[in-house]
Every structure is written in structure tokens, then in C-alpha cells.
Amino acid sequence: MSGRPVGTSVTSRGSLRPRLVTDWATRGGTIRPVGNSSDLDDLIALRLAWKPASDDTQADALADDMRSWWERNGAGRRAWIARGAGGIPVGMANAAIFERMPVPGTGSARWIYVANVFVLPEHRRQGIAADLMNALVEWARAEGMVRIVLAPSEMSIPFYASLGFRPADDLMRLDL
């Protein structure tokens, strides 16, 4: 979160603006980047809360897969964890970093693709997802990113629109 108080959001020019302070924020909620193996364990636990395993063997396999995935991709990815009272993980978000090939006169540029924004059901509607996204936007601006891209679910479109995201009709895809 780089010192930004929970309960503020970032304007398009990068300055902070007050936001309705949520009950979650007033009870000591924090958002921090994933930085160590304990954070990674919490990221795994949140992933399993979102997409439950059918048994312990499958859960253990996911944990191993997530650790290997983070080891392979961590340099090109960032993740944040929202923690509630007592440091309990209640939400997460992650972003993949892309760097465009340099072009004459402008050099290269970096952008991020945001995915896996998730808050535990019992902690939703408290501003946690908005605070996760605001922390992510603040970090992206500080890193000099030129854009943030995401693929919202139909249900989350109004949420992302409320944060200033707009439809991007200039993309195409091929499902393989």
C-alpha cells in the first residue's frame, strides 16, 4: 500500500481523495503486497476459499502448484492481500506485468493485467475490493505503468466502472 491510508482513493492525476471510510478500514484493515512465504501461504488459502479443492490431496497439489507458479512468475507478477482484524487474510488481487517492445521515439512501456480480485463472502460490501484496486492503481502509477487491463465478470462491470475503468473495444482474442 506504500503508506496510503485505507479509506482514500487515487484520482486520475495520482493524488489522494477521501473516500467513505469503511467499517473494515476503521477496524484496522490493511493491504500489503505479497512479500514472503507466509504471505504466499495466505494467497494459497484465499485461492482455495475461492476455488475449493475436492479433498486434501487436491488442496496440497494446488499449494505445490501455486508455490511453483509464484517461483516461475513472481518477477513478472505482483499480488496484494487485504487483512482484517488480527491480520486475518480476507481478500486478494494480483497483476501480471507486461512490457511492450521499444519503438523509435518512445522506448518501451509497461502495463498490467489484473486478475483474481477476490474477497471472502463474509467480508464483502465493506470496501475491501475497492481498497485492493486502489492500492494496485497507486502501485501501477508509481511504477510508471501506462495502463491497467482486466477482464471483468458481468457482475463486476459496475464495480470496475465505479473505479474509472471503461470498456476496451480495441482488443481481439482467439481461444485455443
N, C-alpha and C. Protein backbone atom coordinates (compact mmCIF):
# COMPACT_ATOMS: atom_id res chain seq x y z
N MET A 1 0.81 -1.17 0.00
CA MET A 1 0.00 0.00 0.00
C MET A 1 0.86 1.25 0.00
N SER A 2 2.10 1.18 0.21
CA SER A 2 3.05 2.28 0.23
C SER A 2 2.61 3.45 1.09
N GLY A 3 2.05 3.18 2.24
CA GLY A 3 1.73 4.24 3.16
C GLY A 3 0.41 4.94 2.91
N ARG A 4 -0.34 4.58 1.89
CA ARG A 4 -1.63 5.22 1.62
C ARG A 4 -2.62 4.71 2.64
N PRO A 5 -3.28 5.63 3.35
CA PRO A 5 -4.25 5.15 4.33
C PRO A 5 -5.43 4.48 3.66
N VAL A 6 -5.87 3.38 4.24
CA VAL A 6 -7.09 2.75 3.76
C VAL A 6 -8.20 3.75 3.99
N GLY A 7 -9.10 3.86 3.01
CA GLY A 7 -10.17 4.84 3.11
C GLY A 7 -9.90 6.05 2.25
N THR A 8 -8.85 6.00 1.42
CA THR A 8 -8.61 7.04 0.42
C THR A 8 -8.50 6.34 -0.91
N SER A 9 -8.71 7.08 -1.96
CA SER A 9 -8.54 6.51 -3.28
C SER A 9 -7.68 7.46 -4.09
N VAL A 10 -7.21 7.00 -5.22
CA VAL A 10 -6.29 7.76 -6.04
C VAL A 10 -7.06 8.38 -7.20
N THR A 11 -6.89 9.69 -7.41
CA THR A 11 -7.54 10.34 -8.54
C THR A 11 -6.77 10.06 -9.81
N SER A 12 -7.31 10.47 -10.96
CA SER A 12 -6.63 10.22 -12.23
C SER A 12 -5.28 10.92 -12.31
N ARG A 13 -5.05 11.92 -11.52
CA ARG A 13 -3.75 12.60 -11.52
C ARG A 13 -2.81 12.04 -10.46
N GLY A 14 -3.25 11.03 -9.76
CA GLY A 14 -2.38 10.38 -8.79
C GLY A 14 -2.47 10.94 -7.38
N SER A 15 -3.34 11.93 -7.15
CA SER A 15 -3.47 12.46 -5.80
C SER A 15 -4.54 11.68 -5.04
N LEU A 16 -4.48 11.76 -3.74
CA LEU A 16 -5.45 11.02 -2.92
C LEU A 16 -6.71 11.85 -2.75
N ARG A 17 -7.84 11.17 -2.74
CA ARG A 17 -9.10 11.84 -2.42
C ARG A 17 -9.78 11.03 -1.32
N PRO A 18 -10.45 11.71 -0.40
CA PRO A 18 -11.13 10.96 0.66
C PRO A 18 -12.23 10.09 0.05
N ARG A 19 -12.45 8.99 0.67
CA ARG A 19 -13.48 8.04 0.28
C ARG A 19 -14.23 7.68 1.54
N LEU A 20 -15.44 7.24 1.40
CA LEU A 20 -16.18 6.79 2.56
C LEU A 20 -15.33 5.75 3.29
N VAL A 21 -15.01 6.03 4.54
CA VAL A 21 -14.19 5.10 5.31
C VAL A 21 -15.08 3.94 5.73
N THR A 22 -14.67 2.75 5.36
CA THR A 22 -15.47 1.57 5.62
C THR A 22 -15.29 1.08 7.04
N ASP A 23 -16.26 0.30 7.48
CA ASP A 23 -16.16 -0.33 8.78
C ASP A 23 -14.88 -1.17 8.85
N TRP A 24 -14.58 -1.85 7.74
CA TRP A 24 -13.37 -2.66 7.66
C TRP A 24 -12.13 -1.82 7.93
N ALA A 25 -12.06 -0.64 7.30
CA ALA A 25 -10.90 0.22 7.47
C ALA A 25 -10.79 0.74 8.90
N THR A 26 -11.91 1.09 9.50
CA THR A 26 -11.86 1.63 10.85
C THR A 26 -11.48 0.57 11.89
N ARG A 27 -11.62 -0.69 11.51
CA ARG A 27 -11.23 -1.78 12.42
C ARG A 27 -9.80 -2.25 12.15
N GLY A 28 -9.02 -1.47 11.43
CA GLY A 28 -7.61 -1.78 11.24
C GLY A 28 -7.29 -2.61 10.02
N GLY A 29 -8.16 -2.61 9.03
CA GLY A 29 -7.88 -3.35 7.81
C GLY A 29 -6.65 -2.80 7.10
N THR A 30 -5.84 -3.69 6.54
CA THR A 30 -4.63 -3.28 5.83
C THR A 30 -4.53 -4.02 4.50
N ILE A 31 -3.79 -3.43 3.59
CA ILE A 31 -3.49 -4.06 2.31
C ILE A 31 -1.99 -3.96 2.11
N ARG A 32 -1.37 -5.10 1.86
CA ARG A 32 0.08 -5.16 1.68
C ARG A 32 0.40 -6.08 0.51
N PRO A 33 1.50 -5.78 -0.19
CA PRO A 33 1.93 -6.70 -1.25
C PRO A 33 2.43 -8.02 -0.67
N VAL A 34 2.30 -9.07 -1.44
CA VAL A 34 2.85 -10.37 -1.06
C VAL A 34 4.37 -10.21 -1.06
N GLY A 35 4.99 -10.58 0.05
CA GLY A 35 6.42 -10.37 0.16
C GLY A 35 7.21 -11.53 0.72
N ASN A 36 6.55 -12.52 1.27
CA ASN A 36 7.30 -13.63 1.86
C ASN A 36 6.47 -14.92 1.76
N SER A 37 7.05 -16.02 2.24
CA SER A 37 6.37 -17.31 2.11
C SER A 37 5.10 -17.38 2.95
N SER A 38 5.04 -16.65 4.07
CA SER A 38 3.81 -16.62 4.87
C SER A 38 2.70 -15.94 4.07
N ASP A 39 3.04 -14.86 3.36
CA ASP A 39 2.05 -14.19 2.51
C ASP A 39 1.59 -15.13 1.40
N LEU A 40 2.52 -15.88 0.84
CA LEU A 40 2.17 -16.83 -0.22
C LEU A 40 1.22 -17.91 0.32
N ASP A 41 1.46 -18.36 1.54
CA ASP A 41 0.54 -19.32 2.16
C ASP A 41 -0.86 -18.74 2.28
N ASP A 42 -0.94 -17.45 2.62
CA ASP A 42 -2.24 -16.79 2.73
C ASP A 42 -2.89 -16.63 1.35
N LEU A 43 -2.09 -16.36 0.34
CA LEU A 43 -2.61 -16.27 -1.03
C LEU A 43 -3.19 -17.62 -1.46
N ILE A 44 -2.50 -18.69 -1.11
CA ILE A 44 -2.97 -20.05 -1.41
C ILE A 44 -4.29 -20.32 -0.67
N ALA A 45 -4.36 -19.94 0.59
CA ALA A 45 -5.58 -20.16 1.37
C ALA A 45 -6.76 -19.39 0.76
N LEU A 46 -6.51 -18.17 0.31
CA LEU A 46 -7.58 -17.39 -0.33
C LEU A 46 -8.00 -18.01 -1.66
N ARG A 47 -7.04 -18.51 -2.41
CA ARG A 47 -7.37 -19.17 -3.68
C ARG A 47 -8.24 -20.40 -3.42
N LEU A 48 -7.91 -21.15 -2.39
CA LEU A 48 -8.71 -22.33 -2.05
C LEU A 48 -10.09 -21.94 -1.51
N ALA A 49 -10.19 -20.80 -0.85
CA ALA A 49 -11.50 -20.33 -0.41
C ALA A 49 -12.37 -19.97 -1.61
N TRP A 50 -11.74 -19.43 -2.65
CA TRP A 50 -12.47 -19.03 -3.86
C TRP A 50 -12.81 -20.24 -4.73
N LYS A 51 -11.83 -21.11 -4.91
CA LYS A 51 -11.98 -22.31 -5.74
C LYS A 51 -11.63 -23.52 -4.90
N PRO A 52 -12.56 -24.02 -4.09
CA PRO A 52 -12.26 -25.11 -3.14
C PRO A 52 -11.79 -26.40 -3.83
N ALA A 53 -10.87 -27.05 -3.17
CA ALA A 53 -10.40 -28.37 -3.62
C ALA A 53 -11.41 -29.42 -3.17
N SER A 54 -11.43 -30.53 -3.88
CA SER A 54 -12.39 -31.59 -3.55
C SER A 54 -11.92 -32.43 -2.36
N ASP A 55 -10.61 -32.41 -2.07
CA ASP A 55 -10.08 -33.17 -0.93
C ASP A 55 -8.70 -32.62 -0.57
N ASP A 56 -8.11 -33.16 0.50
CA ASP A 56 -6.81 -32.68 0.98
C ASP A 56 -5.70 -32.90 -0.04
N THR A 57 -5.76 -33.99 -0.76
CA THR A 57 -4.73 -34.27 -1.77
C THR A 57 -4.75 -33.19 -2.86
N GLN A 58 -5.95 -32.84 -3.29
CA GLN A 58 -6.07 -31.79 -4.31
C GLN A 58 -5.62 -30.43 -3.75
N ALA A 59 -5.94 -30.16 -2.50
CA ALA A 59 -5.52 -28.90 -1.87
C ALA A 59 -4.01 -28.83 -1.75
N ASP A 60 -3.38 -29.93 -1.35
CA ASP A 60 -1.92 -29.98 -1.25
C ASP A 60 -1.27 -29.80 -2.62
N ALA A 61 -1.86 -30.42 -3.63
CA ALA A 61 -1.34 -30.28 -5.00
C ALA A 61 -1.45 -28.83 -5.47
N LEU A 62 -2.58 -28.16 -5.15
CA LEU A 62 -2.71 -26.76 -5.53
C LEU A 62 -1.66 -25.91 -4.82
N ALA A 63 -1.43 -26.18 -3.55
CA ALA A 63 -0.42 -25.42 -2.80
C ALA A 63 0.95 -25.58 -3.46
N ASP A 64 1.31 -26.79 -3.83
CA ASP A 64 2.59 -27.02 -4.51
C ASP A 64 2.62 -26.30 -5.86
N ASP A 65 1.52 -26.42 -6.61
CA ASP A 65 1.43 -25.75 -7.91
C ASP A 65 1.55 -24.24 -7.77
N MET A 66 0.89 -23.67 -6.77
CA MET A 66 0.94 -22.22 -6.55
C MET A 66 2.35 -21.77 -6.18
N ARG A 67 3.03 -22.52 -5.33
CA ARG A 67 4.40 -22.14 -4.96
C ARG A 67 5.32 -22.19 -6.19
N SER A 68 5.19 -23.24 -7.01
CA SER A 68 6.00 -23.34 -8.23
C SER A 68 5.64 -22.22 -9.20
N TRP A 69 4.36 -21.94 -9.34
CA TRP A 69 3.90 -20.86 -10.22
C TRP A 69 4.48 -19.53 -9.78
N TRP A 70 4.44 -19.24 -8.48
CA TRP A 70 4.97 -17.98 -7.96
C TRP A 70 6.48 -17.90 -8.18
N GLU A 71 7.17 -19.02 -7.97
CA GLU A 71 8.63 -19.04 -8.19
C GLU A 71 8.96 -18.74 -9.65
N ARG A 72 8.19 -19.32 -10.58
CA ARG A 72 8.43 -19.09 -12.02
C ARG A 72 8.00 -17.69 -12.46
N ASN A 73 6.92 -17.19 -11.92
CA ASN A 73 6.30 -15.97 -12.43
C ASN A 73 6.39 -14.76 -11.52
N GLY A 74 6.87 -14.94 -10.32
CA GLY A 74 6.85 -13.86 -9.34
C GLY A 74 7.53 -12.58 -9.78
N ALA A 75 8.59 -12.67 -10.55
CA ALA A 75 9.29 -11.46 -11.00
C ALA A 75 8.43 -10.63 -11.94
N GLY A 76 7.52 -11.26 -12.64
CA GLY A 76 6.66 -10.55 -13.57
C GLY A 76 5.24 -10.42 -13.07
N ARG A 77 5.06 -10.53 -11.79
CA ARG A 77 3.71 -10.51 -11.22
C ARG A 77 3.78 -9.87 -9.84
N ARG A 78 2.71 -9.22 -9.47
CA ARG A 78 2.56 -8.68 -8.11
C ARG A 78 1.22 -9.14 -7.58
N ALA A 79 1.14 -9.31 -6.26
CA ALA A 79 -0.12 -9.68 -5.62
C ALA A 79 -0.22 -8.90 -4.31
N TRP A 80 -1.45 -8.64 -3.91
CA TRP A 80 -1.75 -7.94 -2.68
C TRP A 80 -2.73 -8.75 -1.87
N ILE A 81 -2.60 -8.65 -0.55
CA ILE A 81 -3.53 -9.32 0.36
C ILE A 81 -4.14 -8.27 1.27
N ALA A 82 -5.46 -8.32 1.39
CA ALA A 82 -6.18 -7.50 2.36
C ALA A 82 -6.30 -8.31 3.64
N ARG A 83 -5.97 -7.68 4.74
CA ARG A 83 -6.03 -8.35 6.04
C ARG A 83 -6.99 -7.60 6.95
N GLY A 84 -7.83 -8.36 7.60
CA GLY A 84 -8.77 -7.78 8.55
C GLY A 84 -8.17 -7.77 9.94
N ALA A 85 -9.04 -7.65 10.92
CA ALA A 85 -8.62 -7.61 12.32
C ALA A 85 -7.74 -8.81 12.64
N GLY A 86 -6.68 -8.56 13.36
CA GLY A 86 -5.77 -9.62 13.75
C GLY A 86 -4.90 -10.14 12.62
N GLY A 87 -4.90 -9.44 11.48
CA GLY A 87 -4.06 -9.85 10.36
C GLY A 87 -4.61 -11.00 9.54
N ILE A 88 -5.88 -11.35 9.75
CA ILE A 88 -6.51 -12.46 9.02
C ILE A 88 -6.69 -12.07 7.56
N PRO A 89 -6.22 -12.91 6.61
CA PRO A 89 -6.40 -12.60 5.19
C PRO A 89 -7.88 -12.69 4.80
N VAL A 90 -8.38 -11.62 4.16
CA VAL A 90 -9.79 -11.59 3.77
C VAL A 90 -9.99 -11.32 2.27
N GLY A 91 -8.93 -10.93 1.57
CA GLY A 91 -9.06 -10.65 0.15
C GLY A 91 -7.72 -10.60 -0.54
N MET A 92 -7.77 -10.65 -1.88
CA MET A 92 -6.53 -10.66 -2.66
C MET A 92 -6.78 -10.07 -4.04
N ALA A 93 -5.69 -9.69 -4.69
CA ALA A 93 -5.70 -9.29 -6.09
C ALA A 93 -4.29 -9.55 -6.62
N ASN A 94 -4.17 -9.83 -7.92
CA ASN A 94 -2.84 -9.97 -8.49
C ASN A 94 -2.80 -9.35 -9.88
N ALA A 95 -1.60 -9.08 -10.33
CA ALA A 95 -1.41 -8.43 -11.62
C ALA A 95 -0.18 -9.00 -12.32
N ALA A 96 -0.32 -9.25 -13.61
CA ALA A 96 0.80 -9.67 -14.44
C ALA A 96 1.35 -8.43 -15.14
N ILE A 97 2.67 -8.30 -15.14
CA ILE A 97 3.33 -7.14 -15.73
C ILE A 97 3.76 -7.49 -17.15
N PHE A 98 3.44 -6.61 -18.08
CA PHE A 98 3.84 -6.77 -19.48
C PHE A 98 4.67 -5.57 -19.90
N GLU A 99 5.69 -5.81 -20.71
CA GLU A 99 6.49 -4.72 -21.24
C GLU A 99 6.45 -4.76 -22.76
N ARG A 100 6.03 -3.65 -23.33
CA ARG A 100 5.92 -3.53 -24.78
C ARG A 100 7.31 -3.38 -25.39
N MET A 101 7.49 -3.95 -26.55
CA MET A 101 8.74 -3.82 -27.28
C MET A 101 9.00 -2.34 -27.57
N PRO A 102 10.24 -1.86 -27.41
CA PRO A 102 10.52 -0.45 -27.68
C PRO A 102 10.22 -0.07 -29.13
N VAL A 103 9.83 1.18 -29.31
CA VAL A 103 9.62 1.75 -30.64
C VAL A 103 10.42 3.05 -30.72
N PRO A 104 10.85 3.45 -31.92
CA PRO A 104 11.62 4.70 -32.04
C PRO A 104 10.87 5.89 -31.46
N GLY A 105 11.56 6.67 -30.67
CA GLY A 105 11.00 7.89 -30.13
C GLY A 105 10.22 7.73 -28.83
N THR A 106 9.80 6.54 -28.50
CA THR A 106 9.03 6.39 -27.26
C THR A 106 9.59 5.31 -26.33
N GLY A 107 10.48 4.50 -26.82
CA GLY A 107 11.02 3.44 -25.97
C GLY A 107 9.98 2.38 -25.67
N SER A 108 10.17 1.70 -24.57
CA SER A 108 9.21 0.66 -24.19
C SER A 108 8.21 1.24 -23.19
N ALA A 109 7.17 0.50 -22.92
CA ALA A 109 6.18 0.90 -21.92
C ALA A 109 5.69 -0.35 -21.22
N ARG A 110 5.30 -0.18 -19.96
CA ARG A 110 4.80 -1.32 -19.20
C ARG A 110 3.33 -1.11 -18.85
N TRP A 111 2.61 -2.22 -18.77
CA TRP A 111 1.22 -2.21 -18.36
C TRP A 111 0.95 -3.47 -17.58
N ILE A 112 -0.20 -3.51 -16.90
CA ILE A 112 -0.53 -4.70 -16.11
C ILE A 112 -1.90 -5.23 -16.47
N TYR A 113 -2.03 -6.52 -16.30
CA TYR A 113 -3.30 -7.22 -16.43
C TYR A 113 -3.69 -7.67 -15.03
N VAL A 114 -4.82 -7.20 -14.56
CA VAL A 114 -5.31 -7.51 -13.21
C VAL A 114 -6.21 -8.74 -13.27
N ALA A 115 -6.04 -9.62 -12.30
CA ALA A 115 -6.86 -10.83 -12.23
C ALA A 115 -7.04 -11.24 -10.77
N ASN A 116 -7.98 -12.13 -10.57
CA ASN A 116 -8.18 -12.78 -9.27
C ASN A 116 -8.42 -11.80 -8.12
N VAL A 117 -9.24 -10.79 -8.39
CA VAL A 117 -9.66 -9.91 -7.30
C VAL A 117 -10.77 -10.66 -6.56
N PHE A 118 -10.52 -10.96 -5.31
CA PHE A 118 -11.44 -11.81 -4.54
C PHE A 118 -11.47 -11.35 -3.10
N VAL A 119 -12.67 -11.34 -2.52
CA VAL A 119 -12.86 -11.06 -1.11
C VAL A 119 -13.74 -12.18 -0.55
N LEU A 120 -13.39 -12.68 0.61
CA LEU A 120 -14.21 -13.72 1.24
C LEU A 120 -15.65 -13.24 1.35
N PRO A 121 -16.61 -14.12 1.08
CA PRO A 121 -18.03 -13.70 1.07
C PRO A 121 -18.47 -12.96 2.33
N GLU A 122 -18.02 -13.41 3.49
CA GLU A 122 -18.45 -12.77 4.73
C GLU A 122 -17.84 -11.39 4.96
N HIS A 123 -16.90 -10.98 4.10
CA HIS A 123 -16.25 -9.67 4.23
C HIS A 123 -16.58 -8.75 3.06
N ARG A 124 -17.47 -9.16 2.19
CA ARG A 124 -17.82 -8.35 1.03
C ARG A 124 -18.70 -7.16 1.43
N ARG A 125 -18.78 -6.20 0.51
CA ARG A 125 -19.59 -4.99 0.68
C ARG A 125 -19.09 -4.12 1.82
N GLN A 126 -17.78 -4.17 2.07
CA GLN A 126 -17.15 -3.32 3.09
C GLN A 126 -16.09 -2.41 2.49
N GLY A 127 -15.93 -2.41 1.17
CA GLY A 127 -14.94 -1.56 0.53
C GLY A 127 -13.58 -2.22 0.35
N ILE A 128 -13.47 -3.49 0.68
CA ILE A 128 -12.17 -4.17 0.61
C ILE A 128 -11.69 -4.31 -0.82
N ALA A 129 -12.57 -4.73 -1.74
CA ALA A 129 -12.17 -4.86 -3.15
C ALA A 129 -11.75 -3.51 -3.71
N ALA A 130 -12.48 -2.46 -3.38
CA ALA A 130 -12.11 -1.12 -3.85
C ALA A 130 -10.75 -0.71 -3.29
N ASP A 131 -10.50 -1.01 -2.02
CA ASP A 131 -9.20 -0.69 -1.44
C ASP A 131 -8.08 -1.51 -2.08
N LEU A 132 -8.34 -2.78 -2.38
CA LEU A 132 -7.35 -3.58 -3.10
C LEU A 132 -7.03 -2.95 -4.45
N MET A 133 -8.08 -2.58 -5.19
CA MET A 133 -7.87 -1.99 -6.51
C MET A 133 -7.18 -0.63 -6.42
N ASN A 134 -7.54 0.17 -5.42
CA ASN A 134 -6.87 1.46 -5.27
C ASN A 134 -5.38 1.29 -4.94
N ALA A 135 -5.05 0.29 -4.13
CA ALA A 135 -3.64 0.02 -3.84
C ALA A 135 -2.91 -0.41 -5.11
N LEU A 136 -3.57 -1.23 -5.90
CA LEU A 136 -2.99 -1.70 -7.16
C LEU A 136 -2.79 -0.53 -8.14
N VAL A 137 -3.78 0.35 -8.26
CA VAL A 137 -3.68 1.51 -9.14
C VAL A 137 -2.56 2.44 -8.67
N GLU A 138 -2.49 2.67 -7.38
CA GLU A 138 -1.43 3.52 -6.84
C GLU A 138 -0.05 2.94 -7.17
N TRP A 139 0.11 1.64 -6.97
CA TRP A 139 1.39 0.99 -7.28
C TRP A 139 1.70 1.12 -8.77
N ALA A 140 0.70 0.88 -9.64
CA ALA A 140 0.91 0.95 -11.09
C ALA A 140 1.36 2.35 -11.50
N ARG A 141 0.75 3.37 -10.94
CA ARG A 141 1.16 4.75 -11.26
C ARG A 141 2.59 5.01 -10.79
N ALA A 142 2.90 4.58 -9.58
CA ALA A 142 4.25 4.79 -9.04
C ALA A 142 5.30 4.07 -9.88
N GLU A 143 4.92 2.94 -10.48
CA GLU A 143 5.83 2.16 -11.32
C GLU A 143 5.89 2.67 -12.77
N GLY A 144 5.10 3.66 -13.10
CA GLY A 144 5.11 4.22 -14.44
C GLY A 144 4.36 3.38 -15.47
N MET A 145 3.43 2.56 -15.03
CA MET A 145 2.64 1.77 -15.97
C MET A 145 1.78 2.70 -16.82
N VAL A 146 1.52 2.32 -18.07
CA VAL A 146 0.72 3.17 -18.95
C VAL A 146 -0.76 2.79 -18.94
N ARG A 147 -1.09 1.59 -18.49
CA ARG A 147 -2.49 1.19 -18.42
C ARG A 147 -2.66 -0.02 -17.52
N ILE A 148 -3.92 -0.21 -17.15
CA ILE A 148 -4.33 -1.41 -16.41
C ILE A 148 -5.45 -2.04 -17.22
N VAL A 149 -5.34 -3.32 -17.47
CA VAL A 149 -6.33 -4.06 -18.24
C VAL A 149 -6.88 -5.18 -17.36
N LEU A 150 -8.15 -5.47 -17.52
CA LEU A 150 -8.75 -6.60 -16.82
C LEU A 150 -9.91 -7.13 -17.63
N ALA A 151 -10.33 -8.32 -17.33
CA ALA A 151 -11.47 -8.96 -17.99
C ALA A 151 -12.53 -9.20 -16.91
N PRO A 152 -13.44 -8.25 -16.71
CA PRO A 152 -14.40 -8.37 -15.61
C PRO A 152 -15.49 -9.39 -15.90
N SER A 153 -16.00 -9.96 -14.84
CA SER A 153 -17.21 -10.77 -14.97
C SER A 153 -18.36 -9.81 -15.22
N GLU A 154 -19.45 -10.32 -15.72
CA GLU A 154 -20.63 -9.47 -15.97
C GLU A 154 -21.06 -8.77 -14.67
N MET A 155 -21.01 -9.50 -13.56
CA MET A 155 -21.42 -8.95 -12.28
C MET A 155 -20.50 -7.83 -11.78
N SER A 156 -19.20 -7.90 -12.13
CA SER A 156 -18.25 -6.93 -11.60
C SER A 156 -18.09 -5.67 -12.47
N ILE A 157 -18.71 -5.63 -13.62
CA ILE A 157 -18.55 -4.46 -14.51
C ILE A 157 -18.93 -3.15 -13.80
N PRO A 158 -20.08 -3.06 -13.11
CA PRO A 158 -20.40 -1.80 -12.43
C PRO A 158 -19.36 -1.41 -11.37
N PHE A 159 -18.82 -2.40 -10.68
CA PHE A 159 -17.78 -2.13 -9.67
C PHE A 159 -16.57 -1.49 -10.34
N TYR A 160 -16.05 -2.10 -11.40
CA TYR A 160 -14.86 -1.54 -12.06
C TYR A 160 -15.17 -0.20 -12.70
N ALA A 161 -16.36 -0.02 -13.25
CA ALA A 161 -16.75 1.27 -13.82
C ALA A 161 -16.74 2.35 -12.73
N SER A 162 -17.16 2.00 -11.52
CA SER A 162 -17.17 2.97 -10.42
C SER A 162 -15.76 3.42 -10.04
N LEU A 163 -14.77 2.62 -10.41
CA LEU A 163 -13.37 2.96 -10.14
C LEU A 163 -12.71 3.68 -11.31
N GLY A 164 -13.47 3.91 -12.37
CA GLY A 164 -12.94 4.65 -13.52
C GLY A 164 -12.55 3.80 -14.71
N PHE A 165 -12.73 2.48 -14.64
CA PHE A 165 -12.42 1.62 -15.78
C PHE A 165 -13.50 1.80 -16.83
N ARG A 166 -13.12 1.66 -18.09
CA ARG A 166 -14.05 1.77 -19.21
C ARG A 166 -13.88 0.57 -20.12
N PRO A 167 -14.89 0.27 -20.93
CA PRO A 167 -14.75 -0.85 -21.87
C PRO A 167 -13.61 -0.57 -22.85
N ALA A 168 -12.92 -1.62 -23.26
CA ALA A 168 -11.84 -1.51 -24.25
C ALA A 168 -12.26 -2.31 -25.47
N ASP A 169 -12.75 -1.63 -26.46
CA ASP A 169 -13.26 -2.31 -27.66
C ASP A 169 -12.18 -2.54 -28.71
N ASP A 170 -10.93 -2.26 -28.35
CA ASP A 170 -9.85 -2.37 -29.33
C ASP A 170 -9.05 -3.66 -29.20
N LEU A 171 -9.60 -4.65 -28.51
CA LEU A 171 -8.91 -5.93 -28.33
C LEU A 171 -9.63 -7.03 -29.08
N MET A 172 -8.90 -8.02 -29.47
CA MET A 172 -9.46 -9.23 -30.07
C MET A 172 -8.81 -10.41 -29.38
N ARG A 173 -9.41 -11.58 -29.48
CA ARG A 173 -8.81 -12.75 -28.87
C ARG A 173 -9.15 -13.98 -29.69
N LEU A 174 -8.34 -14.99 -29.49
CA LEU A 174 -8.53 -16.29 -30.10
C LEU A 174 -8.43 -17.32 -28.99
N ASP A 175 -9.52 -18.01 -28.71
CA ASP A 175 -9.48 -19.07 -27.70
C ASP A 175 -8.89 -20.31 -28.34
N LEU A 176 -7.93 -20.91 -27.66
CA LEU A 176 -7.25 -22.12 -28.18
C LEU A 176 -7.70 -23.35 -27.44
